[in-house]
Amino acid sequence: MKLTKSLFLGSAAGLMAVSGAFAADLPVKAKAVEYVKICSLYGAGFYYIPGTDTCIKLGGYLRAEVAFNTNSNYGISNGSPAGAHNRLSNYYQMRAREDLNIDTRTATEYGVVRTFFDGVFTWTTGGYQGSGSATGGTVYTGNLGLNTSGATPALVGSSINGTDGNTSGGSLGVYYAFIQFAGFTMGKAVSQFDAPWTNYPGNNIDSLVGGSGTVTGVNQFTYTADFGQGVTAAFSAEDATAYYQAGNMNLTGASAGSMIGGTYGSNAIGGSRSPNLVGMVRVDQAWGMFQASVAAHDNHVAYYGATETTGHPDDKWGWAVQLALSIKNIPTGAGDVINIQGVYTDGATRYNFQNLAGSSYSMFGSSGVAYQSVGFASAPDTVFITGGQQETVKTWGFRGAYTHNWDPYWNTALYGAYAQAQYGSVAKTALCGAGGAGGVFGGLAGVTGCNPDFAVAQIGLITRWTPVKNLTFSGDVNWTHLDQKYSGTVGYAGAGTTAKPAALYELKDQDSITLLLRAQRNW
């Protein structure tokens, strides 16, 4: 009996030992893997961030392009050195760009919380201006066309023949960075004043006049109310300093040379005192869209001279109003669309001559009666003379496009724009004299007509080919005409930056033709 009991206990102990050994070899149970799951709440492309209830979507594009007959991928052949139309002007400018955007959304008891970021990495051909030295030489001017987002370009390159010149440079730009919550938009976003197509009723070229267009966003604090049936309204306070200050010019500092260069005196913009105040009402329906926008802009000048004791003019509020209309489902074809807008400004020029188009012109051309011809113009927000008050510059304009889809792969758009600037009596008297034959410019020998008013007309044609989804090749040709109101001839002292000599120049309208070729892959 004792023997049986001993054998039983020994067998049990052995089994327990073996079981313990097997248990030690078994793997520990792993935690459940949290796989990325599709978020269908906000449309295609959204996924849940693992471990959260926040949905995220990544997107962007890669773009390669070349612009001909300009020193700027978004501008015409204007200013220095492009407007010189000589050996300093670029025949072409190339640019490569990668855009990255991040969209996050979270459902809460107060509604959806959204954040959106859009940044770009860009590499662009540079340019050179004349140094003004008697022995010649040039100076690197950077990448005209890089600094479209308010970011400071980082110029990089290697020395050339022992000099410190750079031939190209890269930049990082922040286009959009905003939070949306309970109807509020806070951060850098497209202005509420803009039409939904911003600068592009049908074009790729950025430099259309005839309306506003903050394509790289503006800092703002906005409330948007949704009334249903496609009707929305917004009120916004928007930062004026980056894109909405065309200048407050003291005409007392004007000279014939500075005017030919497109500068009508000394710019005396003071510190920021008020954001631009914007209101907008929009109706979106199946037939298209209608929008009405208004804006108020504070013109705040520093001083008449170098110090506080020189005094200053009072603030002057400017304003702008814009109407925009989009018509869809037109009989010419599926997806065809007409986009048009019109704008009027009084002391708020950038809502017409938008930031990427600019409002200052200096362009040279050929002449049959003088060494060369020159056309120049400028449209600041306000002008004044030392001891006087601000006088607003009034402008009006329009732009639009008709886009036709030939088939699912090809479409063509015909687009155009027009803008006109008109000065008051203070400016015309200071620059041209009371009768148009005096002042800074009107009294010069050879000048037979003096009037700072001007107009800019533009027309263009673009064709796009999309052989596969999200890959598009396009060609965009644009003609811009500067209709300036000066006439006769003028003895110009010349400028080293444009390599223009002291000579007799004919005062004449000018033209610019640019071609933009682009390949873009969206993702």
Protein backbone atom coordinates (compact mmCIF):
# COMPACT_ATOMS: atom_id res chain seq x y z
CA MET A 1 0.00 0.00 0.00
CA LYS A 2 2.81 2.30 0.88
CA LEU A 3 4.50 1.45 -2.41
CA THR A 4 1.35 2.24 -4.43
CA LYS A 5 0.91 5.55 -2.68
CA SER A 6 4.54 6.52 -3.33
CA LEU A 7 4.24 5.68 -7.03
CA PHE A 8 1.05 7.77 -7.37
CA LEU A 9 2.54 10.81 -5.67
CA GLY A 10 5.73 10.56 -7.69
CA SER A 11 3.79 10.34 -10.97
CA ALA A 12 1.70 13.39 -10.03
CA ALA A 13 4.80 15.40 -9.16
CA GLY A 14 6.40 14.43 -12.46
CA LEU A 15 3.34 15.47 -14.46
CA MET A 16 3.24 18.84 -12.69
CA ALA A 17 6.90 19.41 -13.44
CA VAL A 18 6.43 18.59 -17.12
CA SER A 19 3.32 20.78 -17.28
CA GLY A 20 5.28 23.66 -15.72
CA ALA A 21 8.03 23.28 -18.30
CA PHE A 22 5.52 23.38 -21.15
CA ALA A 23 3.78 26.40 -19.63
CA ALA A 24 7.07 28.29 -19.45
CA ASP A 25 7.53 27.72 -23.19
CA LEU A 26 4.08 29.05 -24.16
CA PRO A 27 4.07 32.64 -25.60
CA VAL A 28 2.62 35.50 -23.55
CA LYS A 29 -0.65 36.72 -25.05
CA ALA A 30 0.08 39.87 -27.16
CA LYS A 31 -1.99 43.04 -27.05
CA ALA A 32 -4.47 43.48 -29.88
CA VAL A 33 -3.00 45.30 -32.88
CA GLU A 34 -4.85 48.53 -33.75
CA TYR A 35 -5.02 48.56 -37.52
CA VAL A 36 -5.65 51.76 -39.48
CA LYS A 37 -9.35 51.92 -40.26
CA ILE A 38 -11.16 53.85 -42.96
CA CYS A 39 -13.13 56.90 -41.76
CA SER A 40 -16.19 57.33 -43.96
CA LEU A 41 -17.63 60.34 -42.11
CA TYR A 42 -15.92 63.06 -44.16
CA GLY A 43 -15.48 61.59 -47.63
CA ALA A 44 -12.86 59.52 -49.42
CA GLY A 45 -9.26 59.47 -48.24
CA PHE A 46 -9.83 59.82 -44.48
CA TYR A 47 -8.51 57.29 -41.94
CA TYR A 48 -8.74 57.05 -38.17
CA ILE A 49 -5.52 57.89 -36.36
CA PRO A 50 -4.89 54.63 -34.40
CA GLY A 51 -6.05 54.86 -30.81
CA THR A 52 -8.12 58.02 -31.38
CA ASP A 53 -11.46 59.14 -32.77
CA THR A 54 -9.75 61.71 -35.03
CA CYS A 55 -9.77 61.21 -38.79
CA ILE A 56 -6.87 62.34 -40.97
CA LYS A 57 -6.33 62.84 -44.68
CA LEU A 58 -3.00 63.50 -46.42
CA GLY A 59 -2.82 65.15 -49.83
CA GLY A 60 -0.81 67.41 -52.08
CA TYR A 61 0.81 67.66 -55.47
CA LEU A 62 4.16 67.71 -57.20
CA ARG A 63 4.56 70.34 -59.90
CA ALA A 64 7.24 71.02 -62.50
CA GLU A 65 6.90 74.11 -64.71
CA VAL A 66 8.71 76.60 -66.88
CA ALA A 67 7.64 80.19 -67.64
CA PHE A 68 8.97 81.95 -70.74
CA ASN A 69 9.69 85.69 -71.15
CA THR A 70 9.57 86.50 -67.44
CA ASN A 71 11.69 86.48 -64.29
CA SER A 72 8.74 85.24 -62.23
CA ASN A 73 6.62 82.11 -62.59
CA TYR A 74 3.55 84.06 -61.52
CA GLY A 75 4.26 87.50 -63.04
CA ILE A 76 4.60 89.22 -66.38
CA SER A 77 7.80 90.78 -67.79
CA ASN A 78 7.62 93.85 -65.57
CA GLY A 79 10.00 95.77 -63.30
CA SER A 80 13.70 95.10 -62.85
CA PRO A 81 15.17 93.16 -64.55
CA ALA A 82 12.30 91.51 -66.50
CA GLY A 83 10.79 94.78 -67.74
CA ALA A 84 14.14 95.99 -69.08
CA HIS A 85 13.85 93.57 -72.03
CA ASN A 86 17.60 93.34 -72.46
CA ARG A 87 20.42 90.93 -71.65
CA LEU A 88 19.59 91.07 -67.93
CA SER A 89 16.07 89.69 -68.46
CA ASN A 90 15.44 85.97 -68.16
CA TYR A 91 14.20 84.20 -71.27
CA TYR A 92 12.77 81.54 -68.99
CA GLN A 93 12.35 80.58 -65.34
CA MET A 94 11.93 77.01 -64.10
CA ARG A 95 10.33 75.89 -60.86
CA ALA A 96 9.78 72.59 -59.06
CA ARG A 97 7.38 72.40 -56.12
CA GLU A 98 6.07 69.81 -53.68
CA ASP A 99 2.88 70.63 -51.78
CA LEU A 100 1.80 68.75 -48.64
CA ASN A 101 -1.52 69.21 -46.85
CA ILE A 102 -2.84 67.59 -43.68
CA ASP A 103 -6.57 67.62 -42.89
CA THR A 104 -7.83 66.35 -39.50
CA ARG A 105 -11.42 66.17 -38.23
CA THR A 106 -12.95 65.08 -34.94
CA ALA A 107 -16.67 64.79 -34.14
CA THR A 108 -17.61 66.44 -30.82
CA GLU A 109 -20.80 67.40 -29.01
CA TYR A 110 -20.27 70.93 -30.37
CA GLY A 111 -19.77 69.82 -33.95
CA VAL A 112 -16.72 68.87 -36.01
CA VAL A 113 -13.31 70.24 -35.00
CA ARG A 114 -11.15 70.60 -38.09
CA THR A 115 -7.50 71.56 -38.55
CA PHE A 116 -5.87 72.11 -41.93
CA PHE A 117 -2.24 72.68 -42.89
CA ASP A 118 -0.78 73.25 -46.36
CA GLY A 119 2.93 73.84 -46.94
CA VAL A 120 5.15 73.94 -50.03
CA PHE A 121 8.79 73.20 -50.79
CA THR A 122 9.99 75.11 -53.87
CA TRP A 123 13.11 75.38 -56.03
CA THR A 124 13.25 78.17 -58.62
CA THR A 125 15.59 79.72 -61.17
CA GLY A 126 17.19 82.96 -59.95
CA GLY A 127 18.01 86.21 -61.74
CA TYR A 128 20.49 89.08 -61.95
CA GLN A 129 20.37 92.88 -62.00
CA GLY A 130 23.04 95.33 -63.05
CA SER A 131 25.39 96.48 -60.30
CA GLY A 132 25.61 100.03 -61.65
CA SER A 133 29.41 99.84 -61.67
CA ALA A 134 31.31 101.65 -64.43
CA THR A 135 33.03 98.37 -65.22
CA GLY A 136 29.79 96.44 -65.47
CA GLY A 137 28.96 93.42 -63.35
CA THR A 138 25.71 92.00 -62.04
CA VAL A 139 24.12 91.28 -58.66
CA TYR A 140 22.04 88.22 -57.82
CA THR A 141 18.44 89.22 -57.13
CA GLY A 142 17.11 85.97 -55.70
CA ASN A 143 14.17 83.97 -56.94
CA LEU A 144 11.44 86.32 -58.06
CA GLY A 145 8.34 84.26 -57.61
CA LEU A 146 9.44 82.27 -54.57
CA ASN A 147 8.19 84.48 -51.80
CA THR A 148 4.48 84.09 -52.44
CA SER A 149 3.56 82.83 -49.02
CA GLY A 150 5.10 85.41 -46.75
CA ALA A 151 7.99 83.08 -45.96
CA THR A 152 11.56 84.35 -46.32
CA PRO A 153 13.39 82.48 -49.10
CA ALA A 154 16.54 80.64 -48.10
CA LEU A 155 19.01 81.34 -50.90
CA VAL A 156 21.51 78.58 -51.48
CA GLY A 157 24.23 77.99 -54.04
CA SER A 158 27.95 78.02 -54.64
CA SER A 159 30.35 80.80 -55.49
CA ILE A 160 30.81 81.65 -59.15
CA ASN A 161 34.31 82.56 -60.32
CA GLY A 162 35.26 83.62 -56.83
CA THR A 163 32.17 85.78 -56.26
CA ASP A 164 29.42 85.27 -53.72
CA GLY A 165 26.59 85.03 -56.26
CA ASN A 166 23.89 82.38 -56.12
CA THR A 167 22.18 80.98 -59.18
CA SER A 168 19.10 79.48 -57.60
CA GLY A 169 17.44 78.83 -54.28
CA GLY A 170 14.91 76.85 -52.36
CA SER A 171 12.16 77.95 -50.00
CA LEU A 172 9.62 76.60 -47.56
CA GLY A 173 6.24 78.32 -47.52
CA VAL A 174 3.20 77.97 -45.27
CA TYR A 175 0.05 78.51 -47.31
CA TYR A 176 -2.72 77.50 -44.91
CA ALA A 177 -2.77 76.72 -41.19
CA PHE A 178 -6.16 77.08 -39.51
CA ILE A 179 -8.65 75.62 -37.02
CA GLN A 180 -12.40 75.42 -37.70
CA PHE A 181 -14.87 74.90 -34.85
CA ALA A 182 -18.53 75.77 -34.31
CA GLY A 183 -18.61 78.07 -37.32
CA PHE A 184 -15.33 79.83 -36.50
CA THR A 185 -12.19 79.82 -38.67
CA MET A 186 -8.99 80.86 -36.88
CA GLY A 187 -5.60 81.05 -38.63
CA LYS A 188 -4.25 81.37 -42.17
CA ALA A 189 -6.92 80.63 -44.77
CA VAL A 190 -8.28 82.05 -48.02
CA SER A 191 -9.86 85.47 -47.51
CA GLN A 192 -13.63 85.50 -47.12
CA PHE A 193 -13.68 88.32 -49.68
CA ASP A 194 -12.31 86.09 -52.46
CA ALA A 195 -14.35 84.26 -55.04
CA PRO A 196 -14.10 80.46 -54.66
CA TRP A 197 -11.64 80.32 -57.59
CA THR A 198 -9.40 83.03 -56.00
CA ASN A 199 -7.02 84.08 -58.85
CA TYR A 200 -8.07 81.34 -61.25
CA PRO A 201 -11.42 81.69 -63.06
CA GLY A 202 -9.93 79.34 -65.67
CA ASN A 203 -6.21 80.03 -65.87
CA ASN A 204 -2.94 78.78 -64.36
CA ILE A 205 -1.05 82.10 -64.52
CA ASP A 206 -1.31 83.89 -61.17
CA SER A 207 -1.06 87.52 -62.25
CA LEU A 208 -4.62 88.40 -63.28
CA VAL A 209 -5.90 91.82 -62.20
CA GLY A 210 -9.60 92.52 -61.75
CA GLY A 211 -10.22 90.99 -58.32
CA SER A 212 -8.72 89.82 -55.07
CA GLY A 213 -6.99 86.50 -54.56
CA THR A 214 -5.15 85.36 -51.43
CA VAL A 215 -4.12 82.02 -52.92
CA THR A 216 -1.62 81.47 -50.10
CA GLY A 217 -4.01 82.41 -47.30
CA VAL A 218 -4.30 85.34 -44.91
CA ASN A 219 -4.43 85.30 -41.10
CA GLN A 220 -8.01 85.79 -39.97
CA PHE A 221 -10.68 85.31 -37.32
CA THR A 222 -13.97 84.48 -39.03
CA TYR A 223 -17.48 83.40 -38.14
CA THR A 224 -19.53 81.69 -40.86
CA ALA A 225 -23.28 81.12 -40.53
CA ASP A 226 -24.96 78.38 -42.58
CA PHE A 227 -28.64 79.11 -43.29
CA GLY A 228 -29.25 75.93 -45.29
CA GLN A 229 -30.19 75.50 -48.95
CA GLY A 230 -26.63 76.53 -49.91
CA VAL A 231 -26.85 79.99 -48.32
CA THR A 232 -23.94 81.09 -46.10
CA ALA A 233 -22.69 84.38 -44.69
CA ALA A 234 -19.40 85.28 -43.04
CA PHE A 235 -17.88 88.14 -41.07
CA SER A 236 -14.11 88.24 -40.82
CA ALA A 237 -11.25 90.25 -39.31
CA GLU A 238 -8.21 89.68 -41.57
CA ASP A 239 -4.57 90.68 -41.31
CA ALA A 240 -3.81 93.51 -43.75
CA THR A 241 -0.03 93.59 -43.63
CA ALA A 242 0.98 90.64 -45.79
CA TYR A 243 -1.22 91.05 -48.87
CA TYR A 244 -3.44 94.13 -48.63
CA GLN A 245 -1.14 97.16 -48.44
CA ALA A 246 -0.52 98.65 -51.87
CA GLY A 247 1.19 101.72 -50.33
CA ASN A 248 0.59 105.14 -48.82
CA MET A 249 2.80 107.38 -50.96
CA ASN A 250 4.19 110.79 -50.01
CA LEU A 251 4.34 112.46 -53.44
CA THR A 252 6.69 115.13 -52.10
CA GLY A 253 9.49 112.59 -52.54
CA ALA A 254 8.63 111.77 -56.18
CA SER A 255 11.10 112.38 -59.01
CA ALA A 256 11.03 111.69 -62.73
CA GLY A 257 13.50 108.84 -62.29
CA SER A 258 11.54 107.14 -59.50
CA MET A 259 8.29 107.50 -61.45
CA ILE A 260 9.77 105.80 -64.51
CA GLY A 261 10.79 103.01 -62.15
CA GLY A 262 7.17 102.67 -61.01
CA THR A 263 7.52 104.46 -57.63
CA TYR A 264 5.58 107.69 -57.05
CA GLY A 265 7.35 109.06 -54.01
CA SER A 266 8.16 107.68 -50.56
CA ASN A 267 6.10 104.84 -49.11
CA ALA A 268 5.08 105.77 -45.55
CA ILE A 269 2.92 102.88 -44.30
CA GLY A 270 2.71 102.94 -40.51
CA GLY A 271 2.16 100.18 -37.98
CA SER A 272 -0.90 97.92 -38.05
CA ARG A 273 -3.82 99.46 -36.17
CA SER A 274 -6.81 97.53 -37.49
CA PRO A 275 -7.37 94.33 -39.44
CA ASN A 276 -9.38 94.46 -42.63
CA LEU A 277 -13.08 93.96 -41.87
CA VAL A 278 -14.77 91.67 -44.39
CA GLY A 279 -18.37 90.59 -44.93
CA MET A 280 -19.56 87.97 -47.43
CA VAL A 281 -22.84 86.35 -48.53
CA ARG A 282 -22.84 83.30 -50.84
CA VAL A 283 -25.45 81.15 -52.53
CA ASP A 284 -24.35 77.73 -53.84
CA GLN A 285 -26.88 75.84 -55.97
CA ALA A 286 -26.88 73.18 -58.68
CA TRP A 287 -26.90 75.90 -61.34
CA GLY A 288 -23.77 77.59 -59.94
CA MET A 289 -22.81 80.18 -57.34
CA PHE A 290 -23.34 83.86 -56.53
CA GLN A 291 -21.29 85.80 -53.98
CA ALA A 292 -21.24 89.40 -52.74
CA SER A 293 -18.29 90.66 -50.68
CA VAL A 294 -17.40 93.94 -48.95
CA ALA A 295 -14.22 94.99 -47.12
CA ALA A 296 -12.96 97.97 -45.11
CA HIS A 297 -9.23 98.81 -44.99
CA ASP A 298 -7.51 101.26 -42.62
CA ASN A 299 -4.75 103.38 -44.23
CA HIS A 300 -2.44 104.35 -41.37
CA VAL A 301 0.59 106.51 -42.25
CA ALA A 302 3.74 106.91 -40.16
CA TYR A 303 5.21 110.44 -40.55
CA TYR A 304 5.79 113.11 -43.17
CA GLY A 305 9.53 112.94 -42.49
CA ALA A 306 12.16 110.98 -40.60
CA THR A 307 11.01 111.79 -37.06
CA GLU A 308 7.86 112.18 -34.97
CA THR A 309 8.13 115.96 -34.95
CA THR A 310 7.47 116.12 -38.72
CA GLY A 311 3.81 115.25 -38.16
CA HIS A 312 1.51 112.89 -40.05
CA PRO A 313 -1.79 112.77 -41.93
CA ASP A 314 -4.92 111.36 -40.32
CA ASP A 315 -5.98 107.78 -40.92
CA LYS A 316 -8.13 107.20 -43.99
CA TRP A 317 -10.46 104.22 -44.33
CA GLY A 318 -10.74 102.60 -47.73
CA TRP A 319 -13.27 100.05 -48.92
CA ALA A 320 -13.98 97.51 -51.64
CA VAL A 321 -17.00 95.64 -52.98
CA GLN A 322 -17.01 92.59 -55.24
CA LEU A 323 -19.64 90.45 -57.01
CA ALA A 324 -18.85 86.96 -58.33
CA LEU A 325 -20.95 84.57 -60.42
CA SER A 326 -20.37 80.99 -61.56
CA ILE A 327 -22.69 79.32 -64.10
CA LYS A 328 -22.58 75.54 -64.46
CA ASN A 329 -24.38 72.99 -66.65
CA ILE A 330 -24.30 75.24 -69.70
CA PRO A 331 -25.43 73.74 -73.05
CA THR A 332 -21.95 73.65 -74.63
CA GLY A 333 -20.90 70.48 -72.82
CA ALA A 334 -20.78 68.48 -69.61
CA GLY A 335 -18.66 70.18 -66.97
CA ASP A 336 -18.38 73.45 -68.90
CA VAL A 337 -18.41 76.52 -66.66
CA ILE A 338 -18.38 80.33 -66.82
CA ASN A 339 -16.79 82.23 -63.92
CA ILE A 340 -16.94 86.04 -63.76
CA GLN A 341 -16.38 88.71 -61.12
CA GLY A 342 -16.30 92.50 -60.87
CA VAL A 343 -14.79 94.76 -58.20
CA TYR A 344 -14.64 98.42 -57.18
CA THR A 345 -12.17 99.81 -54.65
CA ASP A 346 -11.61 103.18 -52.99
CA GLY A 347 -8.41 103.27 -50.96
CA ALA A 348 -8.12 99.45 -50.96
CA THR A 349 -6.27 98.74 -54.20
CA ARG A 350 -5.16 95.18 -53.43
CA TYR A 351 -8.73 93.94 -53.77
CA ASN A 352 -8.38 94.70 -57.51
CA PHE A 353 -4.65 94.71 -58.30
CA GLN A 354 -4.09 91.61 -56.15
CA ASN A 355 -0.78 90.78 -54.50
CA LEU A 356 0.59 88.42 -57.17
CA ALA A 357 -0.32 90.83 -59.98
CA GLY A 358 1.13 93.89 -58.22
CA SER A 359 0.13 97.48 -58.79
CA SER A 360 3.40 99.02 -60.00
CA TYR A 361 4.66 98.88 -63.60
CA SER A 362 7.88 99.78 -65.38
CA MET A 363 8.37 98.29 -68.85
CA PHE A 364 10.68 99.18 -71.74
CA GLY A 365 10.20 98.57 -75.46
CA SER A 366 11.18 99.73 -78.91
CA SER A 367 10.73 103.22 -80.36
CA GLY A 368 10.96 104.87 -83.75
CA VAL A 369 11.58 108.38 -82.37
CA ALA A 370 13.88 107.87 -79.38
CA TYR A 371 16.48 105.48 -77.98
CA GLN A 372 13.71 103.24 -76.58
CA SER A 373 10.17 103.55 -75.23
CA VAL A 374 9.01 103.22 -71.64
CA GLY A 375 5.65 102.74 -69.95
CA PHE A 376 5.16 103.11 -66.22
CA ALA A 377 2.32 103.31 -63.70
CA SER A 378 1.53 102.80 -60.04
CA ALA A 379 -1.62 102.39 -57.95
CA PRO A 380 -1.10 102.72 -54.19
CA ASP A 381 -3.98 102.82 -51.71
CA THR A 382 -3.55 106.53 -50.93
CA VAL A 383 -1.32 109.49 -51.77
CA PHE A 384 -0.52 112.71 -49.90
CA ILE A 385 1.95 115.57 -49.82
CA THR A 386 3.91 116.76 -46.79
CA GLY A 387 1.54 118.75 -44.57
CA GLY A 388 -1.57 117.42 -46.31
CA GLN A 389 -4.11 114.65 -45.83
CA GLN A 390 -4.47 111.30 -47.58
CA GLU A 391 -6.31 111.07 -50.88
CA THR A 392 -7.57 107.64 -51.95
CA VAL A 393 -6.86 106.02 -55.30
CA LYS A 394 -10.00 104.58 -56.90
CA THR A 395 -9.96 101.44 -59.05
CA TRP A 396 -12.39 99.12 -60.77
CA GLY A 397 -12.01 95.93 -62.72
CA PHE A 398 -13.32 92.52 -63.71
CA ARG A 399 -12.08 89.11 -64.79
CA GLY A 400 -13.57 85.87 -65.99
CA ALA A 401 -13.19 82.69 -67.98
CA TYR A 402 -15.11 80.17 -70.04
CA THR A 403 -13.91 76.56 -69.72
CA HIS A 404 -14.94 73.94 -72.28
CA ASN A 405 -14.35 70.19 -71.89
CA TRP A 406 -13.63 68.57 -75.26
CA ASP A 407 -13.70 65.09 -73.74
CA PRO A 408 -12.75 63.49 -70.39
CA TYR A 409 -9.07 64.12 -71.13
CA TRP A 410 -8.87 67.61 -72.72
CA ASN A 411 -10.24 71.03 -71.78
CA THR A 412 -9.56 74.60 -72.86
CA ALA A 413 -10.28 77.90 -71.13
CA LEU A 414 -10.42 81.37 -72.62
CA TYR A 415 -9.92 84.00 -69.93
CA GLY A 416 -9.46 87.75 -69.59
CA ALA A 417 -9.15 90.58 -67.09
CA TYR A 418 -9.25 94.38 -66.97
CA ALA A 419 -8.46 96.92 -64.24
CA GLN A 420 -8.32 100.70 -64.20
CA ALA A 421 -6.85 103.09 -61.60
CA GLN A 422 -7.94 106.72 -61.18
CA TYR A 423 -6.19 109.44 -59.17
CA GLY A 424 -7.69 112.54 -57.57
CA SER A 425 -6.72 116.22 -57.72
CA VAL A 426 -3.93 116.02 -55.11
CA ALA A 427 -1.97 113.44 -57.12
CA LYS A 428 -2.61 114.99 -60.51
CA THR A 429 -1.57 118.45 -59.34
CA ALA A 430 1.60 117.22 -57.63
CA LEU A 431 2.72 115.00 -60.51
CA CYS A 432 1.35 116.81 -63.55
CA GLY A 433 0.40 120.33 -62.51
CA ALA A 434 -3.08 121.82 -62.37
CA GLY A 435 -3.44 121.74 -66.16
CA GLY A 436 -1.41 118.61 -66.86
CA ALA A 437 1.69 120.58 -67.83
CA GLY A 438 3.58 121.04 -64.58
CA GLY A 439 4.42 119.30 -61.35
CA VAL A 440 7.11 116.65 -60.96
CA PHE A 441 6.69 115.12 -64.43
CA GLY A 442 4.31 117.21 -66.54
CA GLY A 443 6.68 120.17 -66.74
CA LEU A 444 9.61 118.22 -68.18
CA ALA A 445 10.80 119.02 -71.69
CA GLY A 446 9.27 116.77 -74.33
CA VAL A 447 6.31 115.62 -72.18
CA THR A 448 3.15 116.45 -74.11
CA GLY A 449 0.65 114.58 -71.96
CA CYS A 450 0.72 113.84 -68.23
CA ASN A 451 -1.88 111.80 -66.37
CA PRO A 452 -1.15 109.15 -63.71
CA ASP A 453 -4.39 107.25 -64.46
CA PHE A 454 -3.84 103.93 -66.23
CA ALA A 455 -5.42 100.61 -67.16
CA VAL A 456 -4.25 97.02 -67.56
CA ALA A 457 -5.91 94.58 -69.97
CA GLN A 458 -5.20 90.84 -70.13
CA ILE A 459 -6.32 87.92 -72.27
CA GLY A 460 -5.14 84.34 -72.31
CA LEU A 461 -5.75 80.80 -73.46
CA ILE A 462 -4.97 77.58 -71.61
CA THR A 463 -5.29 73.95 -72.70
CA ARG A 464 -5.01 71.02 -70.28
CA TRP A 465 -4.48 67.32 -70.99
CA THR A 466 -5.14 64.70 -68.31
CA PRO A 467 -4.07 61.34 -69.79
CA VAL A 468 -4.57 59.52 -66.48
CA LYS A 469 -6.35 60.50 -63.30
CA ASN A 470 -4.61 63.27 -61.28
CA LEU A 471 -1.81 63.83 -63.85
CA THR A 472 -2.25 67.01 -65.92
CA PHE A 473 -0.09 68.74 -68.55
CA SER A 474 -0.99 72.33 -69.47
CA GLY A 475 0.09 75.25 -71.62
CA ASP A 476 -1.05 78.77 -70.69
CA VAL A 477 -0.28 81.79 -72.91
CA ASN A 478 -1.10 85.28 -71.62
CA TRP A 479 -0.96 88.76 -73.18
CA THR A 480 -0.91 91.81 -70.87
CA HIS A 481 -1.26 95.40 -72.12
CA LEU A 482 -0.33 98.47 -70.04
CA ASP A 483 -2.43 101.46 -71.15
CA GLN A 484 -0.64 104.43 -69.59
CA LYS A 485 -1.67 108.06 -70.11
CA TYR A 486 1.70 109.79 -70.49
CA SER A 487 2.82 110.94 -73.95
CA GLY A 488 5.74 112.62 -75.68
CA THR A 489 9.37 111.99 -74.78
CA VAL A 490 11.43 112.33 -71.63
CA GLY A 491 15.12 112.61 -70.87
CA TYR A 492 15.74 109.71 -68.49
CA ALA A 493 18.93 109.61 -66.40
CA GLY A 494 19.03 105.80 -66.70
CA ALA A 495 19.40 103.13 -64.02
CA GLY A 496 22.18 100.72 -63.22
CA THR A 497 19.86 97.90 -62.13
CA THR A 498 18.28 97.71 -65.60
CA ALA A 499 21.44 98.83 -67.48
CA LYS A 500 19.41 101.60 -69.14
CA PRO A 501 21.58 104.55 -70.24
CA ALA A 502 20.88 108.26 -69.95
CA ALA A 503 18.97 108.98 -73.15
CA LEU A 504 15.73 110.22 -74.66
CA TYR A 505 12.83 107.78 -74.19
CA GLU A 506 9.40 107.75 -75.80
CA LEU A 507 6.42 107.56 -73.42
CA LYS A 508 4.37 104.69 -74.78
CA ASP A 509 2.00 101.82 -73.89
CA GLN A 510 3.73 98.48 -73.32
CA ASP A 511 2.95 94.79 -73.78
CA SER A 512 4.05 91.51 -72.25
CA ILE A 513 3.50 87.97 -73.57
CA THR A 514 4.27 85.03 -71.29
CA LEU A 515 3.93 81.27 -71.69
CA LEU A 516 3.63 78.86 -68.76
CA LEU A 517 4.09 75.12 -69.32
CA ARG A 518 3.26 72.85 -66.39
CA ALA A 519 3.14 69.19 -65.39
CA GLN A 520 1.33 68.40 -62.14
CA ARG A 521 0.62 65.15 -60.28
CA ASN A 522 -2.00 65.40 -57.54
CA TRP A 523 -2.22 62.78 -54.83
